[in-house]
Amino acid sequence: LGSDLERLAAEPRIAADPAATAYLERHIVMSGDLGDVPVLTVHTDGDG
């Protein structure tokens, strides 16, 4: 396992296109601002 983790660490990485990241930031990242809107979330614990 240690050798595989070292292999992952040595592998060249992938950089993002900043303009493309900005697109996902707009559509959408979370701000935490809910206004005055109550929000309920539901999730299964076995969701893969």
ModelCIF file with pLDDT and N, C-alpha, C, O atoms, coordinates in Angstrom:
data_MODEL
#
_entry.id   MODEL 
#
_entity.id                         1 
_entity.type                       polymer 
_entity.pdbx_number_of_molecules   1 
#
_entity_poly.entity_id                      1 
_entity_poly.type                           'polypeptide(L)' 
_entity_poly.nstd_linkage                   no 
_entity_poly.nstd_monomer                   no 
_entity_poly.pdbx_seq_one_letter_code       LGSDLERLAAEPRIAADPAATAYLERHIVMSGDLGDVPVLTVHTDGDG 
_entity_poly.pdbx_seq_one_letter_code_can   LGSDLERLAAEPRIAADPAATAYLERHIVMSGDLGDVPVLTVHTDGDG 
_entity_poly.pdbx_strand_id                 A 
#
loop_
_entity_poly_seq.entity_id 
_entity_poly_seq.num 
_entity_poly_seq.mon_id 
_entity_poly_seq.hetero 
1 1  LEU n 
1 2  GLY n 
1 3  SER n 
1 4  ASP n 
1 5  LEU n 
1 6  GLU n 
1 7  ARG n 
1 8  LEU n 
1 9  ALA n 
1 10 ALA n 
1 11 GLU n 
1 12 PRO n 
1 13 ARG n 
1 14 ILE n 
1 15 ALA n 
1 16 ALA n 
1 17 ASP n 
1 18 PRO n 
1 19 ALA n 
1 20 ALA n 
1 21 THR n 
1 22 ALA n 
1 23 TYR n 
1 24 LEU n 
1 25 GLU n 
1 26 ARG n 
1 27 HIS n 
1 28 ILE n 
1 29 VAL n 
1 30 MET n 
1 31 SER n 
1 32 GLY n 
1 33 ASP n 
1 34 LEU n 
1 35 GLY n 
1 36 ASP n 
1 37 VAL n 
1 38 PRO n 
1 39 VAL n 
1 40 LEU n 
1 41 THR n 
1 42 VAL n 
1 43 HIS n 
1 44 THR n 
1 45 ASP n 
1 46 GLY n 
1 47 ASP n 
1 48 GLY n 
#
_struct_asym.id          A 
_struct_asym.entity_id   1 
#
loop_
_ma_qa_metric.id 
_ma_qa_metric.mode 
_ma_qa_metric.name 
_ma_qa_metric.software_group_id 
_ma_qa_metric.type 
1 global pLDDT . pLDDT 
2 local  pLDDT . pLDDT 
#
_ma_qa_metric_global.metric_id      1 
_ma_qa_metric_global.metric_value   96.71 
_ma_qa_metric_global.model_id       1 
_ma_qa_metric_global.ordinal_id     1 
#
loop_
_ma_qa_metric_local.label_asym_id 
_ma_qa_metric_local.label_comp_id 
_ma_qa_metric_local.label_seq_id 
_ma_qa_metric_local.metric_id 
_ma_qa_metric_local.metric_value 
_ma_qa_metric_local.model_id 
_ma_qa_metric_local.ordinal_id 
A LEU 1  2 98.00 1 1  
A GLY 2  2 98.00 1 2  
A SER 3  2 98.00 1 3  
A ASP 4  2 98.00 1 4  
A LEU 5  2 98.00 1 5  
A GLU 6  2 98.00 1 6  
A ARG 7  2 98.00 1 7  
A LEU 8  2 98.00 1 8  
A ALA 9  2 98.00 1 9  
A ALA 10 2 97.00 1 10 
A GLU 11 2 97.00 1 11 
A PRO 12 2 97.00 1 12 
A ARG 13 2 97.00 1 13 
A ILE 14 2 98.00 1 14 
A ALA 15 2 97.00 1 15 
A ALA 16 2 97.00 1 16 
A ASP 17 2 97.00 1 17 
A PRO 18 2 95.00 1 18 
A ALA 19 2 96.00 1 19 
A ALA 20 2 97.00 1 20 
A THR 21 2 96.00 1 21 
A ALA 22 2 95.00 1 22 
A TYR 23 2 95.00 1 23 
A LEU 24 2 95.00 1 24 
A GLU 25 2 95.00 1 25 
A ARG 26 2 93.00 1 26 
A HIS 27 2 92.00 1 27 
A ILE 28 2 94.00 1 28 
A VAL 29 2 96.00 1 29 
A MET 30 2 97.00 1 30 
A SER 31 2 96.00 1 31 
A GLY 32 2 96.00 1 32 
A ASP 33 2 96.00 1 33 
A LEU 34 2 97.00 1 34 
A GLY 35 2 94.00 1 35 
A ASP 36 2 95.00 1 36 
A VAL 37 2 97.00 1 37 
A PRO 38 2 98.00 1 38 
A VAL 39 2 98.00 1 39 
A LEU 40 2 98.00 1 40 
A THR 41 2 98.00 1 41 
A VAL 42 2 98.00 1 42 
A HIS 43 2 98.00 1 43 
A THR 44 2 98.00 1 44 
A ASP 45 2 98.00 1 45 
A GLY 46 2 97.00 1 46 
A ASP 47 2 98.00 1 47 
A GLY 48 2 97.00 1 48 
#
loop_
_atom_site.group_PDB 
_atom_site.id 
_atom_site.type_symbol 
_atom_site.label_atom_id 
_atom_site.label_alt_id 
_atom_site.label_comp_id 
_atom_site.label_asym_id 
_atom_site.label_entity_id 
_atom_site.label_seq_id 
_atom_site.pdbx_PDB_ins_code 
_atom_site.Cartn_x 
_atom_site.Cartn_y 
_atom_site.Cartn_z 
_atom_site.occupancy 
_atom_site.B_iso_or_equiv 
_atom_site.pdbx_formal_charge 
_atom_site.auth_seq_id 
_atom_site.auth_comp_id 
_atom_site.auth_asym_id 
_atom_site.auth_atom_id 
_atom_site.pdbx_PDB_model_num 
ATOM 1   N N  . LEU A 1 1  ? 0.831   -1.202 0.000   1.00 98.00 ? 1  LEU A N  1 
ATOM 2   C CA . LEU A 1 1  ? 0.000   0.000  0.000   1.00 98.00 ? 1  LEU A CA 1 
ATOM 3   C C  . LEU A 1 1  ? 0.871   1.260  0.000   1.00 98.00 ? 1  LEU A C  1 
ATOM 4   O O  . LEU A 1 1  ? 0.574   2.227  -0.701  1.00 98.00 ? 1  LEU A O  1 
ATOM 5   N N  . GLY A 1 2  ? 1.939   1.239  0.786   1.00 98.00 ? 2  GLY A N  1 
ATOM 6   C CA . GLY A 1 2  ? 2.811   2.404  0.819   1.00 98.00 ? 2  GLY A CA 1 
ATOM 7   C C  . GLY A 1 2  ? 3.400   2.717  -0.543  1.00 98.00 ? 2  GLY A C  1 
ATOM 8   O O  . GLY A 1 2  ? 3.521   3.884  -0.915  1.00 98.00 ? 2  GLY A O  1 
ATOM 9   N N  . SER A 1 3  ? 3.769   1.679  -1.293  1.00 98.00 ? 3  SER A N  1 
ATOM 10  C CA . SER A 1 3  ? 4.325   1.895  -2.634  1.00 98.00 ? 3  SER A CA 1 
ATOM 11  C C  . SER A 1 3  ? 3.285   2.499  -3.570  1.00 98.00 ? 3  SER A C  1 
ATOM 12  O O  . SER A 1 3  ? 3.609   3.373  -4.374  1.00 98.00 ? 3  SER A O  1 
ATOM 13  N N  . ASP A 1 4  ? 2.046   2.043  -3.472  1.00 98.00 ? 4  ASP A N  1 
ATOM 14  C CA . ASP A 1 4  ? 0.997   2.611  -4.319  1.00 98.00 ? 4  ASP A CA 1 
ATOM 15  C C  . ASP A 1 4  ? 0.735   4.074  -3.962  1.00 98.00 ? 4  ASP A C  1 
ATOM 16  O O  . ASP A 1 4  ? 0.504   4.895  -4.851  1.00 98.00 ? 4  ASP A O  1 
ATOM 17  N N  . LEU A 1 5  ? 0.768   4.405  -2.679  1.00 98.00 ? 5  LEU A N  1 
ATOM 18  C CA . LEU A 1 5  ? 0.575   5.797  -2.279  1.00 98.00 ? 5  LEU A CA 1 
ATOM 19  C C  . LEU A 1 5  ? 1.734   6.667  -2.766  1.00 98.00 ? 5  LEU A C  1 
ATOM 20  O O  . LEU A 1 5  ? 1.530   7.816  -3.157  1.00 98.00 ? 5  LEU A O  1 
ATOM 21  N N  . GLU A 1 6  ? 2.948   6.119  -2.742  1.00 98.00 ? 6  GLU A N  1 
ATOM 22  C CA . GLU A 1 6  ? 4.091   6.859  -3.287  1.00 98.00 ? 6  GLU A CA 1 
ATOM 23  C C  . GLU A 1 6  ? 3.943   7.055  -4.788  1.00 98.00 ? 6  GLU A C  1 
ATOM 24  O O  . GLU A 1 6  ? 4.312   8.100  -5.323  1.00 98.00 ? 6  GLU A O  1 
ATOM 25  N N  . ARG A 1 7  ? 3.412   6.067  -5.453  1.00 98.00 ? 7  ARG A N  1 
ATOM 26  C CA . ARG A 1 7  ? 3.182   6.183  -6.897  1.00 98.00 ? 7  ARG A CA 1 
ATOM 27  C C  . ARG A 1 7  ? 2.173   7.281  -7.193  1.00 98.00 ? 7  ARG A C  1 
ATOM 28  O O  . ARG A 1 7  ? 2.351   8.053  -8.136  1.00 98.00 ? 7  ARG A O  1 
ATOM 29  N N  . LEU A 1 8  ? 1.123   7.354  -6.398  1.00 98.00 ? 8  LEU A N  1 
ATOM 30  C CA . LEU A 1 8  ? 0.142   8.422  -6.569  1.00 98.00 ? 8  LEU A CA 1 
ATOM 31  C C  . LEU A 1 8  ? 0.770   9.788  -6.300  1.00 98.00 ? 8  LEU A C  1 
ATOM 32  O O  . LEU A 1 8  ? 0.488   10.759 -7.002  1.00 98.00 ? 8  LEU A O  1 
ATOM 33  N N  . ALA A 1 9  ? 1.621   9.853  -5.281  1.00 98.00 ? 9  ALA A N  1 
ATOM 34  C CA . ALA A 1 9  ? 2.256   11.125 -4.946  1.00 98.00 ? 9  ALA A CA 1 
ATOM 35  C C  . ALA A 1 9  ? 3.185   11.603 -6.050  1.00 98.00 ? 9  ALA A C  1 
ATOM 36  O O  . ALA A 1 9  ? 3.335   12.807 -6.257  1.00 98.00 ? 9  ALA A O  1 
ATOM 37  N N  . ALA A 1 10 ? 3.813   10.662 -6.765  1.00 97.00 ? 10 ALA A N  1 
ATOM 38  C CA . ALA A 1 10 ? 4.778   11.024 -7.806  1.00 97.00 ? 10 ALA A CA 1 
ATOM 39  C C  . ALA A 1 10 ? 4.133   11.312 -9.149  1.00 97.00 ? 10 ALA A C  1 
ATOM 40  O O  . ALA A 1 10 ? 4.767   11.898 -10.027 1.00 97.00 ? 10 ALA A O  1 
ATOM 41  N N  . GLU A 1 11 ? 2.888   10.912 -9.320  1.00 97.00 ? 11 GLU A N  1 
ATOM 42  C CA . GLU A 1 11 ? 2.225   11.069 -10.628 1.00 97.00 ? 11 GLU A CA 1 
ATOM 43  C C  . GLU A 1 11 ? 1.961   12.544 -10.920 1.00 97.00 ? 11 GLU A C  1 
ATOM 44  O O  . GLU A 1 11 ? 1.496   13.269 -10.040 1.00 97.00 ? 11 GLU A O  1 
ATOM 45  N N  . PRO A 1 12 ? 2.254   13.006 -12.151 1.00 97.00 ? 12 PRO A N  1 
ATOM 46  C CA . PRO A 1 12 ? 1.942   14.394 -12.499 1.00 97.00 ? 12 PRO A CA 1 
ATOM 47  C C  . PRO A 1 12 ? 0.469   14.709 -12.270 1.00 97.00 ? 12 PRO A C  1 
ATOM 48  O O  . PRO A 1 12 ? -0.410  13.897 -12.560 1.00 97.00 ? 12 PRO A O  1 
ATOM 49  N N  . ARG A 1 13 ? 0.223   15.888 -11.750 1.00 97.00 ? 13 ARG A N  1 
ATOM 50  C CA . ARG A 1 13 ? -1.129  16.278 -11.360 1.00 97.00 ? 13 ARG A CA 1 
ATOM 51  C C  . ARG A 1 13 ? -1.842  17.035 -12.470 1.00 97.00 ? 13 ARG A C  1 
ATOM 52  O O  . ARG A 1 13 ? -1.255  17.383 -13.494 1.00 97.00 ? 13 ARG A O  1 
ATOM 53  N N  . ILE A 1 14 ? -3.106  17.276 -12.237 1.00 98.00 ? 14 ILE A N  1 
ATOM 54  C CA . ILE A 1 14 ? -3.978  17.939 -13.211 1.00 98.00 ? 14 ILE A CA 1 
ATOM 55  C C  . ILE A 1 14 ? -4.365  19.300 -12.654 1.00 98.00 ? 14 ILE A C  1 
ATOM 56  O O  . ILE A 1 14 ? -4.848  19.410 -11.527 1.00 98.00 ? 14 ILE A O  1 
ATOM 57  N N  . ALA A 1 15 ? -4.150  20.320 -13.446 1.00 97.00 ? 15 ALA A N  1 
ATOM 58  C CA . ALA A 1 15 ? -4.526  21.682 -13.065 1.00 97.00 ? 15 ALA A CA 1 
ATOM 59  C C  . ALA A 1 15 ? -5.840  22.055 -13.735 1.00 97.00 ? 15 ALA A C  1 
ATOM 60  O O  . ALA A 1 15 ? -6.204  21.513 -14.779 1.00 97.00 ? 15 ALA A O  1 
ATOM 61  N N  . ALA A 1 16 ? -6.540  22.992 -13.108 1.00 97.00 ? 16 ALA A N  1 
ATOM 62  C CA . ALA A 1 16 ? -7.826  23.446 -13.641 1.00 97.00 ? 16 ALA A CA 1 
ATOM 63  C C  . ALA A 1 16 ? -7.642  24.653 -14.549 1.00 97.00 ? 16 ALA A C  1 
ATOM 64  O O  . ALA A 1 16 ? -6.663  25.392 -14.442 1.00 97.00 ? 16 ALA A O  1 
ATOM 65  N N  . ASP A 1 17 ? -8.594  24.833 -15.435 1.00 97.00 ? 17 ASP A N  1 
ATOM 66  C CA . ASP A 1 17 ? -8.715  26.075 -16.204 1.00 97.00 ? 17 ASP A CA 1 
ATOM 67  C C  . ASP A 1 17 ? -9.460  27.065 -15.309 1.00 97.00 ? 17 ASP A C  1 
ATOM 68  O O  . ASP A 1 17 ? -10.622 26.820 -14.984 1.00 97.00 ? 17 ASP A O  1 
ATOM 69  N N  . PRO A 1 18 ? -8.835  28.179 -14.896 1.00 95.00 ? 18 PRO A N  1 
ATOM 70  C CA . PRO A 1 18 ? -9.489  29.101 -13.967 1.00 95.00 ? 18 PRO A CA 1 
ATOM 71  C C  . PRO A 1 18 ? -10.853 29.587 -14.433 1.00 95.00 ? 18 PRO A C  1 
ATOM 72  O O  . PRO A 1 18 ? -11.763 29.747 -13.621 1.00 95.00 ? 18 PRO A O  1 
ATOM 73  N N  . ALA A 1 19 ? -11.004 29.822 -15.729 1.00 96.00 ? 19 ALA A N  1 
ATOM 74  C CA . ALA A 1 19 ? -12.303 30.288 -16.230 1.00 96.00 ? 19 ALA A CA 1 
ATOM 75  C C  . ALA A 1 19 ? -13.368 29.222 -16.072 1.00 96.00 ? 19 ALA A C  1 
ATOM 76  O O  . ALA A 1 19 ? -14.527 29.530 -15.796 1.00 96.00 ? 19 ALA A O  1 
ATOM 77  N N  . ALA A 1 20 ? -12.973 27.956 -16.248 1.00 97.00 ? 20 ALA A N  1 
ATOM 78  C CA . ALA A 1 20 ? -13.935 26.861 -16.085 1.00 97.00 ? 20 ALA A CA 1 
ATOM 79  C C  . ALA A 1 20 ? -14.304 26.696 -14.622 1.00 97.00 ? 20 ALA A C  1 
ATOM 80  O O  . ALA A 1 20 ? -15.462 26.429 -14.299 1.00 97.00 ? 20 ALA A O  1 
ATOM 81  N N  . THR A 1 21 ? -13.317 26.856 -13.722 1.00 96.00 ? 21 THR A N  1 
ATOM 82  C CA . THR A 1 21 ? -13.631 26.803 -12.294 1.00 96.00 ? 21 THR A CA 1 
ATOM 83  C C  . THR A 1 21 ? -14.595 27.916 -11.915 1.00 96.00 ? 21 THR A C  1 
ATOM 84  O O  . THR A 1 21 ? -15.521 27.705 -11.132 1.00 96.00 ? 21 THR A O  1 
ATOM 85  N N  . ALA A 1 22 ? -14.375 29.101 -12.473 1.00 95.00 ? 22 ALA A N  1 
ATOM 86  C CA . ALA A 1 22 ? -15.265 30.234 -12.185 1.00 95.00 ? 22 ALA A CA 1 
ATOM 87  C C  . ALA A 1 22 ? -16.691 29.943 -12.631 1.00 95.00 ? 22 ALA A C  1 
ATOM 88  O O  . ALA A 1 22 ? -17.648 30.387 -11.996 1.00 95.00 ? 22 ALA A O  1 
ATOM 89  N N  . TYR A 1 23 ? -16.834 29.198 -13.724 1.00 95.00 ? 23 TYR A N  1 
ATOM 90  C CA . TYR A 1 23 ? -18.170 28.793 -14.188 1.00 95.00 ? 23 TYR A CA 1 
ATOM 91  C C  . TYR A 1 23 ? -18.862 27.945 -13.121 1.00 95.00 ? 23 TYR A C  1 
ATOM 92  O O  . TYR A 1 23 ? -20.031 28.171 -12.806 1.00 95.00 ? 23 TYR A O  1 
ATOM 93  N N  . LEU A 1 24 ? -18.130 26.958 -12.560 1.00 95.00 ? 24 LEU A N  1 
ATOM 94  C CA . LEU A 1 24 ? -18.743 26.122 -11.524 1.00 95.00 ? 24 LEU A CA 1 
ATOM 95  C C  . LEU A 1 24 ? -18.984 26.913 -10.245 1.00 95.00 ? 24 LEU A C  1 
ATOM 96  O O  . LEU A 1 24 ? -19.929 26.623 -9.510  1.00 95.00 ? 24 LEU A O  1 
ATOM 97  N N  . GLU A 1 25 ? -18.151 27.899 -9.969  1.00 95.00 ? 25 GLU A N  1 
ATOM 98  C CA . GLU A 1 25 ? -18.400 28.734 -8.793  1.00 95.00 ? 25 GLU A CA 1 
ATOM 99  C C  . GLU A 1 25 ? -19.731 29.473 -8.915  1.00 95.00 ? 25 GLU A C  1 
ATOM 100 O O  . GLU A 1 25 ? -20.438 29.674 -7.928  1.00 95.00 ? 25 GLU A O  1 
ATOM 101 N N  . ARG A 1 26 ? -20.056 29.871 -10.140 1.00 93.00 ? 26 ARG A N  1 
ATOM 102 C CA . ARG A 1 26 ? -21.341 30.555 -10.357 1.00 93.00 ? 26 ARG A CA 1 
ATOM 103 C C  . ARG A 1 26 ? -22.498 29.570 -10.342 1.00 93.00 ? 26 ARG A C  1 
ATOM 104 O O  . ARG A 1 26 ? -23.614 29.937 -9.972  1.00 93.00 ? 26 ARG A O  1 
ATOM 105 N N  . HIS A 1 27 ? -22.252 28.319 -10.740 1.00 92.00 ? 27 HIS A N  1 
ATOM 106 C CA . HIS A 1 27 ? -23.345 27.359 -10.949 1.00 92.00 ? 27 HIS A CA 1 
ATOM 107 C C  . HIS A 1 27 ? -23.038 25.997 -10.327 1.00 92.00 ? 27 HIS A C  1 
ATOM 108 O O  . HIS A 1 27 ? -22.967 25.054 -11.115 1.00 92.00 ? 27 HIS A O  1 
ATOM 109 N N  . ILE A 1 28 ? -22.850 25.765 -9.061  1.00 94.00 ? 28 ILE A N  1 
ATOM 110 C CA . ILE A 1 28 ? -22.954 26.736 -8.004  1.00 94.00 ? 28 ILE A CA 1 
ATOM 111 C C  . ILE A 1 28 ? -22.175 26.202 -6.823  1.00 94.00 ? 28 ILE A C  1 
ATOM 112 O O  . ILE A 1 28 ? -22.145 24.994 -6.587  1.00 94.00 ? 28 ILE A O  1 
ATOM 113 N N  . VAL A 1 29 ? -21.530 27.112 -6.064  1.00 96.00 ? 29 VAL A N  1 
ATOM 114 C CA . VAL A 1 29 ? -20.968 26.726 -4.776  1.00 96.00 ? 29 VAL A CA 1 
ATOM 115 C C  . VAL A 1 29 ? -21.853 27.311 -3.684  1.00 96.00 ? 29 VAL A C  1 
ATOM 116 O O  . VAL A 1 29 ? -22.600 28.263 -3.910  1.00 96.00 ? 29 VAL A O  1 
ATOM 117 N N  . MET A 1 30 ? -21.753 26.727 -2.505  1.00 97.00 ? 30 MET A N  1 
ATOM 118 C CA . MET A 1 30 ? -22.635 27.117 -1.416  1.00 97.00 ? 30 MET A CA 1 
ATOM 119 C C  . MET A 1 30 ? -22.046 28.286 -0.620  1.00 97.00 ? 30 MET A C  1 
ATOM 120 O O  . MET A 1 30 ? -20.854 28.312 -0.314  1.00 97.00 ? 30 MET A O  1 
ATOM 121 N N  . SER A 1 31 ? -22.901 29.237 -0.298  1.00 96.00 ? 31 SER A N  1 
ATOM 122 C CA . SER A 1 31 ? -22.495 30.394 0.491   1.00 96.00 ? 31 SER A CA 1 
ATOM 123 C C  . SER A 1 31 ? -22.842 30.243 1.967   1.00 96.00 ? 31 SER A C  1 
ATOM 124 O O  . SER A 1 31 ? -22.257 30.918 2.814   1.00 96.00 ? 31 SER A O  1 
ATOM 125 N N  . GLY A 1 32 ? -23.788 29.366 2.278   1.00 96.00 ? 32 GLY A N  1 
ATOM 126 C CA . GLY A 1 32 ? -24.290 29.244 3.643   1.00 96.00 ? 32 GLY A CA 1 
ATOM 127 C C  . GLY A 1 32 ? -25.371 30.249 3.985   1.00 96.00 ? 32 GLY A C  1 
ATOM 128 O O  . GLY A 1 32 ? -25.961 30.179 5.063   1.00 96.00 ? 32 GLY A O  1 
ATOM 129 N N  . ASP A 1 33 ? -25.641 31.182 3.083   1.00 96.00 ? 33 ASP A N  1 
ATOM 130 C CA . ASP A 1 33 ? -26.661 32.204 3.319   1.00 96.00 ? 33 ASP A CA 1 
ATOM 131 C C  . ASP A 1 33 ? -28.023 31.660 2.901   1.00 96.00 ? 33 ASP A C  1 
ATOM 132 O O  . ASP A 1 33 ? -28.279 31.459 1.714   1.00 96.00 ? 33 ASP A O  1 
ATOM 133 N N  . LEU A 1 34 ? -28.875 31.429 3.858   1.00 97.00 ? 34 LEU A N  1 
ATOM 134 C CA . LEU A 1 34 ? -30.206 30.884 3.578   1.00 97.00 ? 34 LEU A CA 1 
ATOM 135 C C  . LEU A 1 34 ? -31.285 31.957 3.583   1.00 97.00 ? 34 LEU A C  1 
ATOM 136 O O  . LEU A 1 34 ? -32.466 31.637 3.449   1.00 97.00 ? 34 LEU A O  1 
ATOM 137 N N  . GLY A 1 35 ? -30.904 33.234 3.737   1.00 94.00 ? 35 GLY A N  1 
ATOM 138 C CA . GLY A 1 35 ? -31.915 34.270 3.839   1.00 94.00 ? 35 GLY A CA 1 
ATOM 139 C C  . GLY A 1 35 ? -32.767 34.011 5.062   1.00 94.00 ? 35 GLY A C  1 
ATOM 140 O O  . GLY A 1 35 ? -32.251 33.878 6.172   1.00 94.00 ? 35 GLY A O  1 
ATOM 141 N N  . ASP A 1 36 ? -34.051 33.940 4.861   1.00 95.00 ? 36 ASP A N  1 
ATOM 142 C CA . ASP A 1 36 ? -34.969 33.550 5.941   1.00 95.00 ? 36 ASP A CA 1 
ATOM 143 C C  . ASP A 1 36 ? -35.664 32.232 5.616   1.00 95.00 ? 36 ASP A C  1 
ATOM 144 O O  . ASP A 1 36 ? -36.742 31.953 6.139   1.00 95.00 ? 36 ASP A O  1 
ATOM 145 N N  . VAL A 1 37 ? -35.048 31.418 4.750   1.00 97.00 ? 37 VAL A N  1 
ATOM 146 C CA . VAL A 1 37 ? -35.694 30.214 4.240   1.00 97.00 ? 37 VAL A CA 1 
ATOM 147 C C  . VAL A 1 37 ? -35.282 29.003 5.070   1.00 97.00 ? 37 VAL A C  1 
ATOM 148 O O  . VAL A 1 37 ? -34.099 28.664 5.083   1.00 97.00 ? 37 VAL A O  1 
ATOM 149 N N  . PRO A 1 38 ? -36.199 28.339 5.761   1.00 98.00 ? 38 PRO A N  1 
ATOM 150 C CA . PRO A 1 38 ? -35.850 27.086 6.447   1.00 98.00 ? 38 PRO A CA 1 
ATOM 151 C C  . PRO A 1 38 ? -35.580 25.980 5.429   1.00 98.00 ? 38 PRO A C  1 
ATOM 152 O O  . PRO A 1 38 ? -36.320 25.808 4.461   1.00 98.00 ? 38 PRO A O  1 
ATOM 153 N N  . VAL A 1 39 ? -34.521 25.247 5.670   1.00 98.00 ? 39 VAL A N  1 
ATOM 154 C CA . VAL A 1 39 ? -34.087 24.192 4.750   1.00 98.00 ? 39 VAL A CA 1 
ATOM 155 C C  . VAL A 1 39 ? -33.988 22.870 5.515   1.00 98.00 ? 39 VAL A C  1 
ATOM 156 O O  . VAL A 1 39 ? -33.378 22.799 6.581   1.00 98.00 ? 39 VAL A O  1 
ATOM 157 N N  . LEU A 1 40 ? -34.595 21.834 4.953   1.00 98.00 ? 40 LEU A N  1 
ATOM 158 C CA . LEU A 1 40 ? -34.490 20.474 5.485   1.00 98.00 ? 40 LEU A CA 1 
ATOM 159 C C  . LEU A 1 40 ? -33.796 19.615 4.442   1.00 98.00 ? 40 LEU A C  1 
ATOM 160 O O  . LEU A 1 40 ? -34.192 19.614 3.277   1.00 98.00 ? 40 LEU A O  1 
ATOM 161 N N  . THR A 1 41 ? -32.760 18.882 4.850   1.00 98.00 ? 41 THR A N  1 
ATOM 162 C CA . THR A 1 41 ? -32.108 17.956 3.935   1.00 98.00 ? 41 THR A CA 1 
ATOM 163 C C  . THR A 1 41 ? -32.346 16.528 4.414   1.00 98.00 ? 41 THR A C  1 
ATOM 164 O O  . THR A 1 41 ? -32.483 16.273 5.611   1.00 98.00 ? 41 THR A O  1 
ATOM 165 N N  . VAL A 1 42 ? -32.393 15.598 3.453   1.00 98.00 ? 42 VAL A N  1 
ATOM 166 C CA . VAL A 1 42 ? -32.585 14.180 3.742   1.00 98.00 ? 42 VAL A CA 1 
ATOM 167 C C  . VAL A 1 42 ? -31.569 13.400 2.916   1.00 98.00 ? 42 VAL A C  1 
ATOM 168 O O  . VAL A 1 42 ? -31.371 13.690 1.736   1.00 98.00 ? 42 VAL A O  1 
ATOM 169 N N  . HIS A 1 43 ? -30.931 12.420 3.530   1.00 98.00 ? 43 HIS A N  1 
ATOM 170 C CA . HIS A 1 43 ? -29.921 11.638 2.816   1.00 98.00 ? 43 HIS A CA 1 
ATOM 171 C C  . HIS A 1 43 ? -29.930 10.219 3.363   1.00 98.00 ? 43 HIS A C  1 
ATOM 172 O O  . HIS A 1 43 ? -30.184 10.013 4.550   1.00 98.00 ? 43 HIS A O  1 
ATOM 173 N N  . THR A 1 44 ? -29.655 9.235  2.504   1.00 98.00 ? 44 THR A N  1 
ATOM 174 C CA . THR A 1 44 ? -29.410 7.874  2.978   1.00 98.00 ? 44 THR A CA 1 
ATOM 175 C C  . THR A 1 44 ? -27.940 7.737  3.361   1.00 98.00 ? 44 THR A C  1 
ATOM 176 O O  . THR A 1 44 ? -27.073 8.390  2.779   1.00 98.00 ? 44 THR A O  1 
ATOM 177 N N  . ASP A 1 45 ? -27.672 6.885  4.340   1.00 98.00 ? 45 ASP A N  1 
ATOM 178 C CA . ASP A 1 45 ? -26.273 6.694  4.741   1.00 98.00 ? 45 ASP A CA 1 
ATOM 179 C C  . ASP A 1 45 ? -25.532 5.787  3.785   1.00 98.00 ? 45 ASP A C  1 
ATOM 180 O O  . ASP A 1 45 ? -24.302 5.761  3.805   1.00 98.00 ? 45 ASP A O  1 
ATOM 181 N N  . GLY A 1 46 ? -26.243 5.036  2.941   1.00 97.00 ? 46 GLY A N  1 
ATOM 182 C CA . GLY A 1 46 ? -25.610 4.126  2.003   1.00 97.00 ? 46 GLY A CA 1 
ATOM 183 C C  . GLY A 1 46 ? -25.612 4.638  0.584   1.00 97.00 ? 46 GLY A C  1 
ATOM 184 O O  . GLY A 1 46 ? -25.768 3.856  -0.353  1.00 97.00 ? 46 GLY A O  1 
ATOM 185 N N  . ASP A 1 47 ? -25.441 5.939  0.404   1.00 98.00 ? 47 ASP A N  1 
ATOM 186 C CA . ASP A 1 47 ? -25.435 6.549  -0.926  1.00 98.00 ? 47 ASP A CA 1 
ATOM 187 C C  . ASP A 1 47 ? -24.000 6.612  -1.436  1.00 98.00 ? 47 ASP A C  1 
ATOM 188 O O  . ASP A 1 47 ? -23.174 7.342  -0.887  1.00 98.00 ? 47 ASP A O  1 
ATOM 189 N N  . GLY A 1 48 ? -23.707 5.857  -2.473  1.00 97.00 ? 48 GLY A N  1 
ATOM 190 C CA . GLY A 1 48 ? -22.360 5.829  -3.028  1.00 97.00 ? 48 GLY A CA 1 
ATOM 191 C C  . GLY A 1 48 ? -22.201 6.691  -4.255  1.00 97.00 ? 48 GLY A C  1 
ATOM 192 O O  . GLY A 1 48 ? -21.112 6.759  -4.825  1.00 97.00 ? 48 GLY A O  1 
#
